Amino acid sequence: MPIHRMRAASRAVILAGVAAAALFAADSASSGPAQAQGVPANVREQTAFDVRFLQTEFMVAALSCGRPDYQNFYNTFVTRFGGPLKRHADVLKSHFVREYGKQGPNKLDSFATKLANEASLRSMQQVTFCQDTGLVMERVAALDAASLDSFSTSFARSIETVAVVGR
């Protein structure tokens, strides 16, 4: 969904969830973005978690860094990688339904909110969040769709390393 459609709703979610994000961050000893909801059963699911993680970082940067070029990048990213993003979203939906049954959609929403809250918290705590995310955006702008999955996995692991070292 383009940034202009989700700006108000996303800001409300992010701002309302900052306190909750602090609790999640303090309470969670997870080793990565997907670990909070259980270990994915396969590489395909893990990749879907990693792609969602990268997309969320870009969304938060677009909403919180105050840079129109980041907003433009996010809109372009969603359009350019729409096919892979939808496929990964479908994998996530299937994972959460398999793991949680009827509660799957609610658990997926909670997971997506948690990712956004954690990214928002990083954006407020890390002085270089916007600059660092801009560099990642430059690298992703040069990718083709086939490279998005492996890049997302590498990116997610690099953030995990920073989170573990920073604790």
N, C-alpha and C. Protein backbone atom coordinates (compact mmCIF):
# COMPACT_ATOMS: atom_id res chain seq x y z
N MET A 1 0.85 -1.16 0.00
CA MET A 1 0.00 0.00 0.00
C MET A 1 0.91 1.24 0.00
N PRO A 2 0.65 2.20 -0.87
CA PRO A 2 1.47 3.41 -0.91
C PRO A 2 1.43 4.17 0.41
N ILE A 3 2.49 4.92 0.64
CA ILE A 3 2.66 5.61 1.92
C ILE A 3 1.57 6.63 2.19
N HIS A 4 1.08 7.32 1.18
CA HIS A 4 0.07 8.34 1.42
C HIS A 4 -1.22 7.74 1.95
N ARG A 5 -1.52 6.49 1.62
CA ARG A 5 -2.74 5.84 2.12
C ARG A 5 -2.58 5.33 3.53
N MET A 6 -1.36 5.01 3.90
CA MET A 6 -1.18 4.40 5.21
C MET A 6 -0.57 5.35 6.23
N ARG A 7 -0.22 6.55 5.83
CA ARG A 7 0.46 7.48 6.71
C ARG A 7 -0.28 7.69 8.03
N ALA A 8 -1.52 8.12 7.98
CA ALA A 8 -2.24 8.43 9.22
C ALA A 8 -2.42 7.18 10.08
N ALA A 9 -2.84 6.09 9.47
CA ALA A 9 -3.05 4.86 10.24
C ALA A 9 -1.74 4.34 10.79
N SER A 10 -0.69 4.36 9.99
CA SER A 10 0.60 3.84 10.45
C SER A 10 1.18 4.70 11.55
N ARG A 11 1.09 6.00 11.40
CA ARG A 11 1.60 6.87 12.46
C ARG A 11 0.86 6.61 13.76
N ALA A 12 -0.44 6.44 13.67
CA ALA A 12 -1.21 6.17 14.88
C ALA A 12 -0.76 4.87 15.52
N VAL A 13 -0.56 3.85 14.71
CA VAL A 13 -0.11 2.55 15.24
C VAL A 13 1.27 2.69 15.85
N ILE A 14 2.16 3.36 15.14
CA ILE A 14 3.53 3.50 15.62
C ILE A 14 3.58 4.33 16.89
N LEU A 15 2.91 5.48 16.88
CA LEU A 15 2.96 6.35 18.05
C LEU A 15 2.25 5.72 19.25
N ALA A 16 1.11 5.09 19.00
CA ALA A 16 0.39 4.46 20.10
C ALA A 16 1.15 3.26 20.65
N GLY A 17 1.98 2.67 19.81
CA GLY A 17 2.67 1.47 20.24
C GLY A 17 4.08 1.68 20.77
N VAL A 18 4.54 2.90 20.88
CA VAL A 18 5.91 3.13 21.33
C VAL A 18 6.12 2.57 22.73
N ALA A 19 5.19 2.80 23.62
CA ALA A 19 5.32 2.27 24.98
C ALA A 19 5.30 0.75 24.94
N ALA A 20 4.42 0.20 24.12
CA ALA A 20 4.36 -1.25 24.00
C ALA A 20 5.65 -1.79 23.39
N ALA A 21 6.21 -1.06 22.45
CA ALA A 21 7.47 -1.50 21.84
C ALA A 21 8.58 -1.55 22.87
N ALA A 22 8.60 -0.59 23.76
CA ALA A 22 9.61 -0.60 24.81
C ALA A 22 9.45 -1.85 25.68
N LEU A 23 8.21 -2.20 25.96
CA LEU A 23 7.96 -3.42 26.74
C LEU A 23 8.36 -4.65 25.96
N PHE A 24 8.00 -4.70 24.67
CA PHE A 24 8.41 -5.83 23.84
C PHE A 24 9.91 -5.95 23.81
N ALA A 25 10.59 -4.84 23.58
CA ALA A 25 12.05 -4.87 23.46
C ALA A 25 12.69 -5.31 24.78
N ALA A 26 12.17 -4.82 25.87
CA ALA A 26 12.72 -5.19 27.17
C ALA A 26 12.38 -6.63 27.54
N ASP A 27 11.18 -7.06 27.12
CA ASP A 27 10.69 -8.36 27.51
C ASP A 27 11.15 -9.48 26.58
N SER A 28 11.46 -9.12 25.34
CA SER A 28 11.76 -10.14 24.34
C SER A 28 13.25 -10.39 24.24
N ALA A 29 13.62 -11.64 24.37
CA ALA A 29 15.02 -12.01 24.19
C ALA A 29 15.17 -12.72 22.85
N SER A 30 14.30 -12.40 21.92
CA SER A 30 14.31 -13.08 20.63
C SER A 30 15.58 -12.78 19.86
N SER A 31 15.95 -13.71 19.00
CA SER A 31 17.16 -13.53 18.21
C SER A 31 16.87 -12.93 16.86
N GLY A 32 15.62 -12.66 16.55
CA GLY A 32 15.33 -12.08 15.26
C GLY A 32 13.88 -11.72 15.11
N PRO A 33 13.55 -11.07 14.00
CA PRO A 33 12.20 -10.57 13.83
C PRO A 33 11.14 -11.66 13.85
N ALA A 34 11.44 -12.83 13.35
CA ALA A 34 10.43 -13.88 13.30
C ALA A 34 10.33 -14.67 14.59
N GLN A 35 11.33 -14.61 15.42
CA GLN A 35 11.35 -15.45 16.60
C GLN A 35 10.25 -15.12 17.59
N ALA A 36 9.74 -13.91 17.57
CA ALA A 36 8.71 -13.52 18.52
C ALA A 36 7.41 -14.30 18.32
N GLN A 37 7.17 -14.81 17.11
CA GLN A 37 5.94 -15.52 16.82
C GLN A 37 6.17 -17.01 16.59
N GLY A 38 7.29 -17.52 16.99
CA GLY A 38 7.57 -18.92 16.75
C GLY A 38 8.47 -19.09 15.55
N VAL A 39 9.18 -20.17 15.54
CA VAL A 39 10.15 -20.41 14.49
C VAL A 39 9.44 -20.83 13.21
N PRO A 40 9.73 -20.17 12.10
CA PRO A 40 9.15 -20.60 10.83
C PRO A 40 9.54 -22.05 10.53
N ALA A 41 8.67 -22.74 9.85
CA ALA A 41 8.89 -24.16 9.59
C ALA A 41 9.89 -24.41 8.48
N ASN A 42 10.11 -23.44 7.61
CA ASN A 42 10.98 -23.69 6.47
C ASN A 42 11.63 -22.39 5.98
N VAL A 43 12.53 -22.54 5.04
CA VAL A 43 13.28 -21.40 4.51
C VAL A 43 12.32 -20.41 3.83
N ARG A 44 11.32 -20.93 3.15
CA ARG A 44 10.36 -20.06 2.47
C ARG A 44 9.66 -19.13 3.46
N GLU A 45 9.26 -19.69 4.60
CA GLU A 45 8.61 -18.86 5.62
C GLU A 45 9.59 -17.87 6.23
N GLN A 46 10.81 -18.32 6.51
CA GLN A 46 11.80 -17.41 7.08
C GLN A 46 12.08 -16.26 6.13
N THR A 47 12.15 -16.56 4.85
CA THR A 47 12.37 -15.51 3.86
C THR A 47 11.21 -14.51 3.87
N ALA A 48 10.00 -15.02 3.99
CA ALA A 48 8.83 -14.13 4.05
C ALA A 48 8.90 -13.21 5.27
N PHE A 49 9.32 -13.75 6.41
CA PHE A 49 9.51 -12.90 7.59
C PHE A 49 10.57 -11.85 7.33
N ASP A 50 11.67 -12.24 6.70
CA ASP A 50 12.77 -11.31 6.45
C ASP A 50 12.37 -10.20 5.48
N VAL A 51 11.61 -10.54 4.45
CA VAL A 51 11.16 -9.52 3.50
C VAL A 51 10.21 -8.55 4.19
N ARG A 52 9.32 -9.07 5.01
CA ARG A 52 8.40 -8.18 5.75
C ARG A 52 9.18 -7.26 6.68
N PHE A 53 10.23 -7.79 7.28
CA PHE A 53 11.09 -7.00 8.17
C PHE A 53 11.70 -5.83 7.40
N LEU A 54 12.28 -6.11 6.22
CA LEU A 54 12.88 -5.05 5.40
C LEU A 54 11.83 -4.03 4.98
N GLN A 55 10.69 -4.50 4.54
CA GLN A 55 9.62 -3.59 4.12
C GLN A 55 9.19 -2.68 5.28
N THR A 56 9.12 -3.24 6.46
CA THR A 56 8.72 -2.46 7.64
C THR A 56 9.76 -1.40 7.97
N GLU A 57 11.03 -1.73 7.84
CA GLU A 57 12.09 -0.73 8.08
C GLU A 57 11.91 0.45 7.14
N PHE A 58 11.64 0.15 5.87
CA PHE A 58 11.45 1.22 4.89
C PHE A 58 10.21 2.05 5.20
N MET A 59 9.13 1.39 5.61
CA MET A 59 7.90 2.10 5.94
C MET A 59 8.13 3.06 7.11
N VAL A 60 8.80 2.57 8.15
CA VAL A 60 9.06 3.41 9.32
C VAL A 60 9.96 4.57 8.94
N ALA A 61 10.97 4.33 8.14
CA ALA A 61 11.85 5.42 7.70
C ALA A 61 11.06 6.46 6.90
N ALA A 62 10.17 5.98 6.02
CA ALA A 62 9.36 6.90 5.22
C ALA A 62 8.46 7.75 6.09
N LEU A 63 7.96 7.17 7.18
CA LEU A 63 7.05 7.90 8.06
C LEU A 63 7.75 8.75 9.11
N SER A 64 8.94 8.35 9.52
CA SER A 64 9.54 9.02 10.68
C SER A 64 10.78 9.86 10.38
N CYS A 65 11.37 9.71 9.21
CA CYS A 65 12.62 10.44 8.95
C CYS A 65 12.39 11.82 8.36
N GLY A 66 11.17 12.12 7.97
CA GLY A 66 10.86 13.45 7.45
C GLY A 66 11.53 13.76 6.11
N ARG A 67 11.73 12.73 5.31
CA ARG A 67 12.40 12.91 4.02
C ARG A 67 11.47 12.47 2.90
N PRO A 68 11.04 13.41 2.08
CA PRO A 68 10.16 13.04 0.95
C PRO A 68 10.78 11.99 0.03
N ASP A 69 12.11 12.00 -0.12
CA ASP A 69 12.73 10.99 -0.98
C ASP A 69 12.57 9.59 -0.39
N TYR A 70 12.51 9.47 0.93
CA TYR A 70 12.28 8.16 1.56
C TYR A 70 10.83 7.72 1.30
N GLN A 71 9.91 8.66 1.37
CA GLN A 71 8.52 8.34 1.06
C GLN A 71 8.38 7.90 -0.40
N ASN A 72 9.05 8.61 -1.29
CA ASN A 72 9.03 8.23 -2.70
C ASN A 72 9.65 6.86 -2.90
N PHE A 73 10.76 6.60 -2.22
CA PHE A 73 11.40 5.30 -2.33
C PHE A 73 10.45 4.20 -1.89
N TYR A 74 9.81 4.40 -0.73
CA TYR A 74 8.90 3.37 -0.22
C TYR A 74 7.79 3.08 -1.23
N ASN A 75 7.19 4.13 -1.78
CA ASN A 75 6.13 3.94 -2.77
C ASN A 75 6.65 3.18 -3.99
N THR A 76 7.84 3.53 -4.44
CA THR A 76 8.44 2.84 -5.58
C THR A 76 8.76 1.38 -5.23
N PHE A 77 9.28 1.16 -4.03
CA PHE A 77 9.61 -0.19 -3.56
C PHE A 77 8.37 -1.08 -3.58
N VAL A 78 7.27 -0.58 -3.04
CA VAL A 78 6.03 -1.37 -2.97
C VAL A 78 5.50 -1.67 -4.37
N THR A 79 5.62 -0.70 -5.27
CA THR A 79 5.15 -0.91 -6.64
C THR A 79 6.08 -1.86 -7.39
N ARG A 80 7.36 -1.60 -7.31
CA ARG A 80 8.35 -2.38 -8.06
C ARG A 80 8.42 -3.84 -7.62
N PHE A 81 8.33 -4.06 -6.30
CA PHE A 81 8.43 -5.41 -5.77
C PHE A 81 7.07 -5.96 -5.32
N GLY A 82 6.01 -5.41 -5.90
CA GLY A 82 4.65 -5.80 -5.51
C GLY A 82 4.39 -7.29 -5.60
N GLY A 83 4.84 -7.92 -6.68
CA GLY A 83 4.63 -9.37 -6.84
C GLY A 83 5.28 -10.17 -5.72
N PRO A 84 6.60 -10.00 -5.52
CA PRO A 84 7.25 -10.73 -4.43
C PRO A 84 6.67 -10.37 -3.05
N LEU A 85 6.33 -9.12 -2.82
CA LEU A 85 5.77 -8.72 -1.53
C LEU A 85 4.45 -9.44 -1.28
N LYS A 86 3.62 -9.54 -2.32
CA LYS A 86 2.34 -10.23 -2.17
C LYS A 86 2.55 -11.72 -1.91
N ARG A 87 3.47 -12.33 -2.65
CA ARG A 87 3.74 -13.77 -2.43
C ARG A 87 4.21 -14.01 -1.00
N HIS A 88 5.09 -13.15 -0.51
CA HIS A 88 5.58 -13.33 0.86
C HIS A 88 4.48 -13.06 1.88
N ALA A 89 3.62 -12.10 1.60
CA ALA A 89 2.50 -11.85 2.50
C ALA A 89 1.59 -13.07 2.58
N ASP A 90 1.38 -13.73 1.43
CA ASP A 90 0.55 -14.94 1.42
C ASP A 90 1.20 -16.05 2.23
N VAL A 91 2.52 -16.18 2.14
CA VAL A 91 3.24 -17.19 2.93
C VAL A 91 3.07 -16.89 4.42
N LEU A 92 3.19 -15.62 4.79
CA LEU A 92 3.01 -15.25 6.20
C LEU A 92 1.60 -15.57 6.68
N LYS A 93 0.61 -15.23 5.86
CA LYS A 93 -0.78 -15.54 6.24
C LYS A 93 -0.94 -17.03 6.47
N SER A 94 -0.42 -17.84 5.56
CA SER A 94 -0.53 -19.30 5.71
C SER A 94 0.16 -19.78 6.97
N HIS A 95 1.34 -19.22 7.25
CA HIS A 95 2.08 -19.61 8.45
C HIS A 95 1.26 -19.33 9.71
N PHE A 96 0.71 -18.13 9.80
CA PHE A 96 -0.02 -17.76 11.01
C PHE A 96 -1.32 -18.53 11.15
N VAL A 97 -1.99 -18.83 10.04
CA VAL A 97 -3.20 -19.64 10.12
C VAL A 97 -2.85 -21.07 10.55
N ARG A 98 -1.78 -21.61 10.00
CA ARG A 98 -1.35 -22.96 10.40
C ARG A 98 -0.99 -23.00 11.88
N GLU A 99 -0.27 -21.99 12.35
CA GLU A 99 0.19 -21.97 13.74
C GLU A 99 -0.91 -21.63 14.74
N TYR A 100 -1.84 -20.75 14.35
CA TYR A 100 -2.80 -20.21 15.31
C TYR A 100 -4.27 -20.41 14.93
N GLY A 101 -4.53 -21.11 13.84
CA GLY A 101 -5.91 -21.36 13.45
C GLY A 101 -6.67 -20.08 13.19
N LYS A 102 -7.87 -20.00 13.76
CA LYS A 102 -8.73 -18.83 13.55
C LYS A 102 -8.10 -17.54 14.05
N GLN A 103 -7.20 -17.64 15.00
CA GLN A 103 -6.52 -16.45 15.53
C GLN A 103 -5.36 -16.00 14.64
N GLY A 104 -5.07 -16.77 13.58
CA GLY A 104 -3.95 -16.46 12.69
C GLY A 104 -3.94 -15.03 12.17
N PRO A 105 -5.05 -14.54 11.60
CA PRO A 105 -5.03 -13.16 11.10
C PRO A 105 -4.75 -12.13 12.20
N ASN A 106 -5.30 -12.34 13.39
CA ASN A 106 -5.02 -11.41 14.50
C ASN A 106 -3.57 -11.49 14.93
N LYS A 107 -3.02 -12.70 14.96
CA LYS A 107 -1.61 -12.87 15.34
C LYS A 107 -0.70 -12.24 14.29
N LEU A 108 -1.07 -12.36 13.02
CA LEU A 108 -0.29 -11.72 11.97
C LEU A 108 -0.33 -10.20 12.11
N ASP A 109 -1.49 -9.64 12.40
CA ASP A 109 -1.60 -8.20 12.63
C ASP A 109 -0.74 -7.78 13.82
N SER A 110 -0.78 -8.57 14.88
CA SER A 110 0.04 -8.26 16.06
C SER A 110 1.53 -8.31 15.73
N PHE A 111 1.91 -9.30 14.94
CA PHE A 111 3.30 -9.42 14.53
C PHE A 111 3.73 -8.21 13.70
N ALA A 112 2.91 -7.82 12.72
CA ALA A 112 3.25 -6.67 11.88
C ALA A 112 3.34 -5.40 12.71
N THR A 113 2.45 -5.25 13.68
CA THR A 113 2.50 -4.08 14.56
C THR A 113 3.76 -4.10 15.41
N LYS A 114 4.12 -5.27 15.89
CA LYS A 114 5.34 -5.38 16.70
C LYS A 114 6.57 -5.02 15.87
N LEU A 115 6.64 -5.49 14.63
CA LEU A 115 7.77 -5.12 13.77
C LEU A 115 7.85 -3.61 13.60
N ALA A 116 6.71 -2.98 13.34
CA ALA A 116 6.68 -1.53 13.16
C ALA A 116 7.08 -0.81 14.44
N ASN A 117 6.60 -1.29 15.55
CA ASN A 117 6.94 -0.67 16.83
C ASN A 117 8.43 -0.79 17.14
N GLU A 118 8.99 -1.96 16.87
CA GLU A 118 10.43 -2.15 17.12
C GLU A 118 11.26 -1.28 16.20
N ALA A 119 10.86 -1.16 14.94
CA ALA A 119 11.58 -0.29 14.00
C ALA A 119 11.44 1.17 14.43
N SER A 120 10.27 1.55 14.88
CA SER A 120 10.06 2.91 15.36
C SER A 120 10.93 3.21 16.57
N LEU A 121 11.02 2.25 17.46
CA LEU A 121 11.87 2.42 18.63
C LEU A 121 13.33 2.58 18.22
N ARG A 122 13.78 1.75 17.27
CA ARG A 122 15.16 1.91 16.76
C ARG A 122 15.35 3.28 16.13
N SER A 123 14.33 3.75 15.41
CA SER A 123 14.47 5.06 14.76
C SER A 123 14.63 6.19 15.78
N MET A 124 14.08 6.00 16.96
CA MET A 124 14.20 7.02 18.00
C MET A 124 15.47 6.86 18.83
N GLN A 125 15.97 5.63 18.93
CA GLN A 125 17.13 5.38 19.78
C GLN A 125 18.45 5.46 19.03
N GLN A 126 18.45 5.12 17.77
CA GLN A 126 19.68 5.11 16.98
C GLN A 126 19.79 6.39 16.17
N VAL A 127 20.76 7.18 16.50
CA VAL A 127 20.95 8.48 15.85
C VAL A 127 21.11 8.33 14.33
N THR A 128 21.68 7.24 13.90
CA THR A 128 21.96 7.06 12.47
C THR A 128 20.90 6.22 11.75
N PHE A 129 19.76 5.97 12.37
CA PHE A 129 18.74 5.13 11.75
C PHE A 129 18.37 5.62 10.36
N CYS A 130 18.05 6.90 10.22
CA CYS A 130 17.62 7.42 8.93
C CYS A 130 18.74 7.35 7.90
N GLN A 131 19.92 7.74 8.30
CA GLN A 131 21.06 7.68 7.39
C GLN A 131 21.35 6.23 6.97
N ASP A 132 21.37 5.33 7.94
CA ASP A 132 21.64 3.92 7.65
C ASP A 132 20.57 3.33 6.73
N THR A 133 19.32 3.65 7.01
CA THR A 133 18.23 3.12 6.18
C THR A 133 18.32 3.69 4.77
N GLY A 134 18.74 4.94 4.64
CA GLY A 134 18.94 5.53 3.31
C GLY A 134 19.98 4.77 2.51
N LEU A 135 21.04 4.33 3.16
CA LEU A 135 22.06 3.54 2.47
C LEU A 135 21.50 2.18 2.02
N VAL A 136 20.67 1.60 2.87
CA VAL A 136 20.04 0.33 2.50
C VAL A 136 19.09 0.55 1.31
N MET A 137 18.37 1.65 1.34
CA MET A 137 17.48 1.97 0.22
C MET A 137 18.26 2.07 -1.09
N GLU A 138 19.42 2.69 -1.05
CA GLU A 138 20.25 2.80 -2.25
C GLU A 138 20.62 1.43 -2.79
N ARG A 139 20.97 0.53 -1.89
CA ARG A 139 21.35 -0.83 -2.32
C ARG A 139 20.15 -1.57 -2.90
N VAL A 140 18.99 -1.43 -2.28
CA VAL A 140 17.80 -2.12 -2.76
C VAL A 140 17.35 -1.54 -4.10
N ALA A 141 17.55 -0.26 -4.31
CA ALA A 141 17.17 0.36 -5.59
C ALA A 141 17.92 -0.28 -6.76
N ALA A 142 19.09 -0.83 -6.50
CA ALA A 142 19.89 -1.46 -7.55
C ALA A 142 19.58 -2.95 -7.73
N LEU A 143 18.71 -3.51 -6.89
CA LEU A 143 18.39 -4.94 -6.96
C LEU A 143 17.36 -5.25 -8.04
N ASP A 144 17.41 -6.49 -8.51
CA ASP A 144 16.30 -6.99 -9.31
C ASP A 144 15.42 -7.83 -8.36
N ALA A 145 14.24 -8.18 -8.82
CA ALA A 145 13.30 -8.91 -7.96
C ALA A 145 13.87 -10.22 -7.46
N ALA A 146 14.70 -10.87 -8.27
CA ALA A 146 15.27 -12.16 -7.88
C ALA A 146 16.24 -12.03 -6.71
N SER A 147 16.79 -10.86 -6.49
CA SER A 147 17.78 -10.66 -5.42
C SER A 147 17.17 -10.17 -4.11
N LEU A 148 15.88 -9.82 -4.15
CA LEU A 148 15.25 -9.26 -2.95
C LEU A 148 15.28 -10.22 -1.77
N ASP A 149 15.01 -11.49 -2.00
CA ASP A 149 14.95 -12.46 -0.90
C ASP A 149 16.28 -12.58 -0.17
N SER A 150 17.35 -12.80 -0.92
CA SER A 150 18.65 -12.98 -0.26
C SER A 150 19.11 -11.69 0.40
N PHE A 151 18.83 -10.56 -0.22
CA PHE A 151 19.20 -9.29 0.40
C PHE A 151 18.43 -9.11 1.72
N SER A 152 17.14 -9.40 1.70
CA SER A 152 16.32 -9.25 2.91
C SER A 152 16.82 -10.12 4.04
N THR A 153 17.20 -11.34 3.73
CA THR A 153 17.72 -12.25 4.75
C THR A 153 19.02 -11.71 5.34
N SER A 154 19.92 -11.24 4.49
CA SER A 154 21.18 -10.65 4.98
C SER A 154 20.92 -9.43 5.84
N PHE A 155 19.99 -8.60 5.39
CA PHE A 155 19.66 -7.40 6.15
C PHE A 155 19.08 -7.74 7.52
N ALA A 156 18.14 -8.67 7.55
CA ALA A 156 17.53 -9.07 8.83
C ALA A 156 18.58 -9.60 9.79
N ARG A 157 19.51 -10.41 9.29
CA ARG A 157 20.57 -10.94 10.15
C ARG A 157 21.48 -9.81 10.65
N SER A 158 21.74 -8.81 9.83
CA SER A 158 22.61 -7.71 10.28
C SER A 158 21.95 -6.90 11.38
N ILE A 159 20.65 -6.71 11.30
CA ILE A 159 19.92 -5.98 12.35
C ILE A 159 19.90 -6.81 13.63
N GLU A 160 19.73 -8.13 13.50
CA GLU A 160 19.76 -9.01 14.67
C GLU A 160 21.10 -8.91 15.38
N THR A 161 22.18 -8.89 14.60
CA THR A 161 23.51 -8.79 15.19
C THR A 161 23.67 -7.49 15.95
N VAL A 162 23.20 -6.40 15.36
CA VAL A 162 23.27 -5.10 16.05
C VAL A 162 22.44 -5.13 17.32
N ALA A 163 21.26 -5.74 17.26
CA ALA A 163 20.39 -5.79 18.45
C ALA A 163 21.01 -6.62 19.54
N VAL A 164 21.63 -7.75 19.20
CA VAL A 164 22.23 -8.60 20.20
C VAL A 164 23.46 -7.92 20.81
N VAL A 165 24.31 -7.33 19.97
CA VAL A 165 25.51 -6.66 20.45
C VAL A 165 25.14 -5.44 21.29
N GLY A 166 24.05 -4.76 20.91
CA GLY A 166 23.65 -3.54 21.61
C GLY A 166 22.97 -3.78 22.93
N ARG A 167 22.64 -5.00 23.27
CA ARG A 167 21.94 -5.28 24.54
C ARG A 167 22.86 -5.31 25.71
